[in-house]
Amino acid sequence: MLKAYVFPGQGAQFVGMGKDLYDKSATAKSMFKKANSILKFKITDVMFEGTDEDLRQTKVTQPAIFLHSVILASLLEDFDPSMVAGHSLGEFSALVANKVLTFEDGLRLVSKRAKAMQKACEAQPGTMAAIVGAEDSLIESVCASIKDMVVVPANYNCPGQLVISGSVEGVAAASEKLKEAGVKRVVPLSVGGAFHSPLMEPARVELAKAINDTTFNQGICPVYQNVTGQSVNDPEIIKKNLISQLTSPVLWTQTMSNILANGVRTIIEVGPGTVLQGLFKKMDRSLELSSATIA
């Protein structure tokens, strides 16, 4: 039976995340302590007992979700993926879970990514908006029609749900045009910046160096990557795609389609929340969907 393990991205965090793993498992406790050492601050304090506001800081959110997902995956006795995939940040969790990256290297890259993105957000403010109930082609054409402002399709989450990203002015202009075209739901998102848009170019350059300096191994199974929606085995191609990820759209709709086209019926979400299960359910309500848990 083919099984796809999928890993969530930013936005899935909650106060108390990972505490059950820490309390139940000596392995988890050791990994969390190692993370505190690598990050040079006690992320466990923020994850287990911090406030929502503390946890929303990008430098905390991204490593926190990564840690929850990767440590949970390492504790699963029946972890035998036919394939893995992760949404944006979740791709790093997927690459550690399928052994392309070590835990330590994955965490260092995620921390570097979070800080580089935060820096890019501060240098050039941007925003994002979810467009619900519109054809992808309409959103793409509207974004392309906005001149002298940055706005692009950023997250193809599922059919009928696409997130746009760019400058504050660009996203506002595209949102207005989409409403004029009859789109009923345009939802501004409370995010720190224009993720997966050209405004993340400084972060991409900074992260590229760190990725190129990191060893990528042959994985235990293919990974479906965000920038293509296709399965990849070659470590060098994985590395190249991961560098492109920050300024490219997340092709999650295409990723799900390609996973299901391979005959997968069982999807296991590893990490906080159930967002990805909800997106797969919109593709096919008959799928066997579950959250990874330990006894």
Protein backbone atom coordinates (compact mmCIF):
# COMPACT_ATOMS: atom_id res chain seq x y z
CA MET A 1 0.00 0.00 0.00
CA LEU A 2 1.41 3.36 -1.05
CA LYS A 3 1.59 5.99 1.69
CA ALA A 4 2.40 9.69 1.38
CA TYR A 5 3.65 11.52 4.46
CA VAL A 6 3.06 15.28 4.26
CA PHE A 7 4.48 18.07 6.42
CA PRO A 8 2.74 21.39 7.22
CA GLY A 9 4.11 24.89 6.83
CA GLN A 10 3.91 28.21 8.65
CA GLY A 11 0.59 28.95 10.31
CA ALA A 12 0.12 25.52 11.91
CA GLN A 13 1.83 26.51 15.18
CA PHE A 14 0.09 26.51 18.58
CA VAL A 15 1.23 27.13 22.16
CA GLY A 16 2.16 23.85 23.83
CA MET A 17 3.22 22.20 20.56
CA GLY A 18 5.71 19.36 21.05
CA LYS A 19 5.33 19.23 24.85
CA ASP A 20 3.67 15.80 24.70
CA LEU A 21 6.60 14.46 22.65
CA TYR A 22 9.12 15.96 25.09
CA ASP A 23 7.34 14.39 28.08
CA LYS A 24 6.82 10.95 26.53
CA SER A 25 10.16 10.30 24.84
CA ALA A 26 13.82 10.49 25.89
CA THR A 27 14.73 10.70 22.19
CA ALA A 28 12.46 13.70 21.72
CA LYS A 29 13.84 15.36 24.84
CA SER A 30 17.39 14.92 23.54
CA MET A 31 16.48 16.35 20.12
CA PHE A 32 14.75 19.38 21.66
CA LYS A 33 17.78 20.05 23.87
CA LYS A 34 20.07 19.79 20.85
CA ALA A 35 17.81 22.28 19.05
CA ASN A 36 18.10 24.76 21.93
CA SER A 37 21.88 24.48 21.61
CA ILE A 38 21.93 24.91 17.81
CA LEU A 39 19.51 27.85 17.85
CA LYS A 40 21.26 29.48 20.84
CA PHE A 41 17.98 30.18 22.60
CA LYS A 42 15.47 27.97 24.43
CA ILE A 43 12.88 27.45 21.74
CA THR A 44 11.30 24.83 24.00
CA ASP A 45 10.26 27.58 26.44
CA VAL A 46 8.46 29.46 23.67
CA MET A 47 6.88 26.34 22.17
CA PHE A 48 5.68 24.88 25.45
CA GLU A 49 4.85 27.95 27.53
CA GLY A 50 5.14 31.09 25.38
CA THR A 51 2.37 33.34 24.13
CA ASP A 52 0.74 33.24 20.69
CA GLU A 53 2.59 36.46 19.92
CA ASP A 54 5.96 34.95 20.91
CA LEU A 55 5.28 31.95 18.70
CA ARG A 56 4.30 34.11 15.73
CA GLN A 57 7.81 35.57 15.37
CA THR A 58 9.18 34.14 12.12
CA LYS A 59 12.52 33.23 13.74
CA VAL A 60 10.53 31.08 16.21
CA THR A 61 7.58 29.88 14.12
CA GLN A 62 9.57 28.19 11.38
CA PRO A 63 11.98 26.17 13.56
CA ALA A 64 9.12 25.35 15.97
CA ILE A 65 6.96 23.76 13.26
CA PHE A 66 10.01 22.03 11.79
CA LEU A 67 10.95 20.58 15.19
CA HIS A 68 7.44 19.35 15.95
CA SER A 69 7.21 17.61 12.56
CA VAL A 70 10.70 16.13 12.39
CA ILE A 71 10.80 14.87 15.99
CA LEU A 72 7.34 13.32 15.60
CA ALA A 73 8.44 11.58 12.37
CA SER A 74 11.55 10.21 14.10
CA LEU A 75 9.36 8.60 16.79
CA LEU A 76 6.97 6.81 14.45
CA GLU A 77 7.56 3.06 14.65
CA ASP A 78 5.79 2.38 11.34
CA PHE A 79 7.31 5.25 9.34
CA ASP A 80 7.67 3.76 5.87
CA PRO A 81 6.89 6.47 3.31
CA SER A 82 6.42 5.71 -0.37
CA MET A 83 6.89 9.45 -0.88
CA VAL A 84 7.05 12.68 1.14
CA ALA A 85 6.07 16.29 0.52
CA GLY A 86 5.93 19.48 2.56
CA HIS A 87 4.12 22.79 2.13
CA SER A 88 6.70 25.61 1.89
CA LEU A 89 8.61 25.38 5.21
CA GLY A 90 7.31 21.80 5.48
CA GLU A 91 9.55 20.78 2.59
CA PHE A 92 12.54 21.04 4.94
CA SER A 93 10.79 18.74 7.43
CA ALA A 94 10.08 16.28 4.61
CA LEU A 95 13.74 16.31 3.53
CA VAL A 96 14.92 15.47 7.05
CA ALA A 97 12.26 12.77 7.47
CA ASN A 98 13.35 11.05 4.24
CA LYS A 99 17.07 11.36 5.17
CA VAL A 100 18.14 13.84 2.47
CA LEU A 101 19.18 16.21 5.27
CA THR A 102 20.39 15.48 8.78
CA PHE A 103 18.34 16.84 11.68
CA GLU A 104 21.09 19.32 12.58
CA ASP A 105 21.60 20.59 9.02
CA GLY A 106 17.85 20.86 8.45
CA LEU A 107 17.40 22.94 11.60
CA ARG A 108 20.31 25.24 10.71
CA LEU A 109 18.85 25.84 7.25
CA VAL A 110 15.37 26.50 8.62
CA SER A 111 16.77 28.98 11.14
CA LYS A 112 18.79 30.71 8.41
CA ARG A 113 15.70 30.78 6.16
CA ALA A 114 13.52 32.31 8.88
CA LYS A 115 16.03 35.07 9.66
CA ALA A 116 16.68 35.82 5.98
CA MET A 117 12.94 36.06 5.28
CA GLN A 118 12.42 38.33 8.28
CA LYS A 119 15.21 40.59 7.04
CA ALA A 120 13.71 40.71 3.54
CA CYS A 121 10.28 41.56 4.99
CA GLU A 122 11.74 44.46 6.96
CA ALA A 123 13.70 45.77 3.96
CA GLN A 124 10.72 45.66 1.58
CA PRO A 125 7.28 45.39 3.19
CA GLY A 126 4.75 43.18 1.45
CA THR A 127 1.61 41.20 2.07
CA MET A 128 -0.55 38.31 0.83
CA ALA A 129 -4.24 37.62 0.18
CA ALA A 130 -6.22 34.41 -0.30
CA ILE A 131 -8.48 34.31 -3.35
CA VAL A 132 -11.30 31.82 -2.89
CA GLY A 133 -13.67 30.45 -5.53
CA ALA A 134 -11.89 31.77 -8.63
CA GLU A 135 -10.21 30.00 -11.53
CA ASP A 136 -6.41 29.95 -11.33
CA SER A 137 -6.23 31.34 -14.88
CA LEU A 138 -8.24 34.44 -13.91
CA ILE A 139 -5.98 35.15 -10.93
CA GLU A 140 -2.86 34.62 -13.04
CA SER A 141 -4.08 37.01 -15.76
CA VAL A 142 -5.07 39.70 -13.24
CA CYS A 143 -1.65 39.50 -11.52
CA ALA A 144 0.08 39.71 -14.91
CA SER A 145 -2.00 42.80 -15.81
CA ILE A 146 -0.77 44.82 -12.80
CA LYS A 147 2.12 46.92 -14.12
CA ASP A 148 4.87 48.66 -12.11
CA MET A 149 3.84 46.83 -8.92
CA VAL A 150 4.80 43.40 -7.61
CA VAL A 151 1.98 40.84 -7.29
CA VAL A 152 2.16 37.16 -8.20
CA PRO A 153 0.35 33.86 -7.54
CA ALA A 154 2.18 32.42 -4.51
CA ASN A 155 0.37 29.38 -3.08
CA TYR A 156 -1.74 27.08 -5.24
CA ASN A 157 -3.34 25.42 -2.20
CA CYS A 158 -6.20 23.48 -3.80
CA PRO A 159 -8.70 24.00 -6.62
CA GLY A 160 -10.52 27.25 -5.89
CA GLN A 161 -7.99 28.50 -3.34
CA LEU A 162 -4.95 30.47 -4.46
CA VAL A 163 -2.90 32.98 -2.45
CA ILE A 164 -1.36 36.03 -4.10
CA SER A 165 1.73 37.82 -2.79
CA GLY A 166 3.61 41.04 -3.42
CA SER A 167 3.89 44.68 -2.45
CA VAL A 168 1.07 46.14 -0.36
CA GLU A 169 0.01 48.27 -3.35
CA GLY A 170 0.27 45.38 -5.81
CA VAL A 171 -1.84 43.00 -3.74
CA ALA A 172 -4.43 45.76 -3.15
CA ALA A 173 -4.63 46.53 -6.89
CA ALA A 174 -5.01 42.86 -7.84
CA SER A 175 -7.59 42.31 -5.10
CA GLU A 176 -9.68 45.22 -6.42
CA LYS A 177 -9.49 43.95 -10.00
CA LEU A 178 -10.51 40.45 -8.90
CA LYS A 179 -13.53 41.83 -7.04
CA GLU A 180 -14.48 43.79 -10.16
CA ALA A 181 -14.22 40.52 -12.11
CA GLY A 182 -16.82 38.98 -9.78
CA VAL A 183 -14.65 37.16 -7.25
CA LYS A 184 -16.67 37.06 -4.02
CA ARG A 185 -13.98 36.16 -1.46
CA VAL A 186 -10.67 38.04 -1.30
CA VAL A 187 -9.19 37.54 2.17
CA PRO A 188 -6.19 39.66 3.28
CA LEU A 189 -3.78 37.50 5.29
CA SER A 190 -2.06 38.52 8.50
CA VAL A 191 1.50 37.72 7.44
CA GLY A 192 4.88 39.36 7.90
CA GLY A 193 5.66 39.86 4.22
CA ALA A 194 5.39 38.81 0.58
CA PHE A 195 6.45 35.17 0.80
CA HIS A 196 7.06 33.24 -2.45
CA SER A 197 7.34 36.44 -4.47
CA PRO A 198 10.21 38.39 -6.09
CA LEU A 199 10.42 40.48 -2.90
CA MET A 200 12.05 37.45 -1.25
CA GLU A 201 15.04 37.62 -3.63
CA PRO A 202 17.51 38.89 -0.93
CA ALA A 203 16.47 35.96 1.30
CA ARG A 204 16.85 33.52 -1.61
CA VAL A 205 20.42 34.72 -2.25
CA GLU A 206 21.31 34.41 1.43
CA LEU A 207 19.74 30.96 1.78
CA ALA A 208 21.29 29.72 -1.49
CA LYS A 209 24.78 30.01 -0.03
CA ALA A 210 23.80 28.04 3.07
CA ILE A 211 22.09 25.35 0.98
CA ASN A 212 25.07 25.05 -1.36
CA ASP A 213 27.38 24.62 1.64
CA THR A 214 25.22 21.79 3.06
CA THR A 215 25.46 18.09 2.20
CA PHE A 216 22.30 16.63 0.61
CA ASN A 217 22.08 12.81 0.65
CA GLN A 218 20.14 10.25 -1.37
CA GLY A 219 16.71 9.99 0.24
CA ILE A 220 14.88 6.82 1.29
CA CYS A 221 11.99 7.79 -1.01
CA PRO A 222 11.12 10.52 -3.53
CA VAL A 223 10.17 14.01 -2.38
CA TYR A 224 7.54 16.04 -4.25
CA GLN A 225 8.90 19.56 -4.38
CA ASN A 226 6.99 22.84 -4.23
CA VAL A 227 8.51 24.53 -7.27
CA THR A 228 7.63 21.75 -9.73
CA GLY A 229 4.97 19.63 -8.01
CA GLN A 230 6.97 16.64 -9.28
CA SER A 231 8.80 13.84 -7.47
CA VAL A 232 12.58 14.13 -7.23
CA ASN A 233 15.31 11.72 -6.11
CA ASP A 234 18.51 13.45 -7.23
CA PRO A 235 20.09 15.42 -4.32
CA GLU A 236 21.50 18.09 -6.65
CA ILE A 237 18.10 18.76 -8.25
CA ILE A 238 16.49 18.80 -4.78
CA LYS A 239 19.05 21.42 -3.73
CA LYS A 240 18.41 23.56 -6.84
CA ASN A 241 14.63 23.42 -6.36
CA LEU A 242 14.92 24.28 -2.67
CA ILE A 243 16.92 27.41 -3.53
CA SER A 244 14.21 28.49 -6.00
CA GLN A 245 11.43 27.87 -3.49
CA LEU A 246 11.51 31.26 -1.70
CA THR A 247 10.73 33.29 -4.83
CA SER A 248 8.60 30.69 -6.64
CA PRO A 249 4.96 29.70 -6.09
CA VAL A 250 4.11 26.69 -3.95
CA LEU A 251 2.47 24.29 -6.43
CA TRP A 252 0.56 22.34 -3.79
CA THR A 253 -2.51 21.66 -5.94
CA GLN A 254 -0.22 20.17 -8.59
CA THR A 255 1.72 18.24 -5.93
CA MET A 256 -1.47 16.65 -4.59
CA SER A 257 -2.66 15.80 -8.12
CA ASN A 258 0.63 14.10 -8.94
CA ILE A 259 0.72 12.17 -5.66
CA LEU A 260 -2.82 10.88 -6.22
CA ALA A 261 -2.09 10.09 -9.87
CA ASN A 262 0.47 7.57 -8.58
CA GLY A 263 -2.31 5.60 -6.91
CA VAL A 264 -1.82 6.84 -3.34
CA ARG A 265 -4.94 6.52 -1.15
CA THR A 266 -3.34 6.99 2.30
CA ILE A 267 -2.14 10.43 3.40
CA ILE A 268 -0.52 10.95 6.82
CA GLU A 269 0.10 14.50 8.06
CA VAL A 270 3.13 14.79 10.33
CA GLY A 271 3.22 17.86 12.54
CA PRO A 272 0.87 20.42 14.04
CA GLY A 273 -2.64 20.91 12.67
CA THR A 274 -4.72 19.26 9.96
CA VAL A 275 -4.55 21.88 7.19
CA LEU A 276 -3.00 19.57 4.60
CA GLN A 277 -5.56 16.84 5.27
CA GLY A 278 -8.27 19.41 4.57
CA LEU A 279 -6.66 20.32 1.25
CA PHE A 280 -6.36 16.66 0.19
CA LYS A 281 -10.00 16.13 1.18
CA LYS A 282 -10.98 18.84 -1.31
CA MET A 283 -9.20 16.80 -3.99
CA ASP A 284 -10.86 13.48 -3.08
CA ARG A 285 -13.23 12.89 -0.14
CA SER A 286 -12.64 9.12 -0.25
CA LEU A 287 -8.94 9.30 0.74
CA GLU A 288 -7.72 7.75 3.98
CA LEU A 289 -6.48 10.81 5.89
CA SER A 290 -4.88 10.87 9.34
CA SER A 291 -2.51 12.71 11.67
CA ALA A 292 0.67 10.95 12.77
CA THR A 293 0.61 10.10 16.50
CA ILE A 294 2.73 8.18 18.98
CA ALA A 295 1.40 5.97 21.77
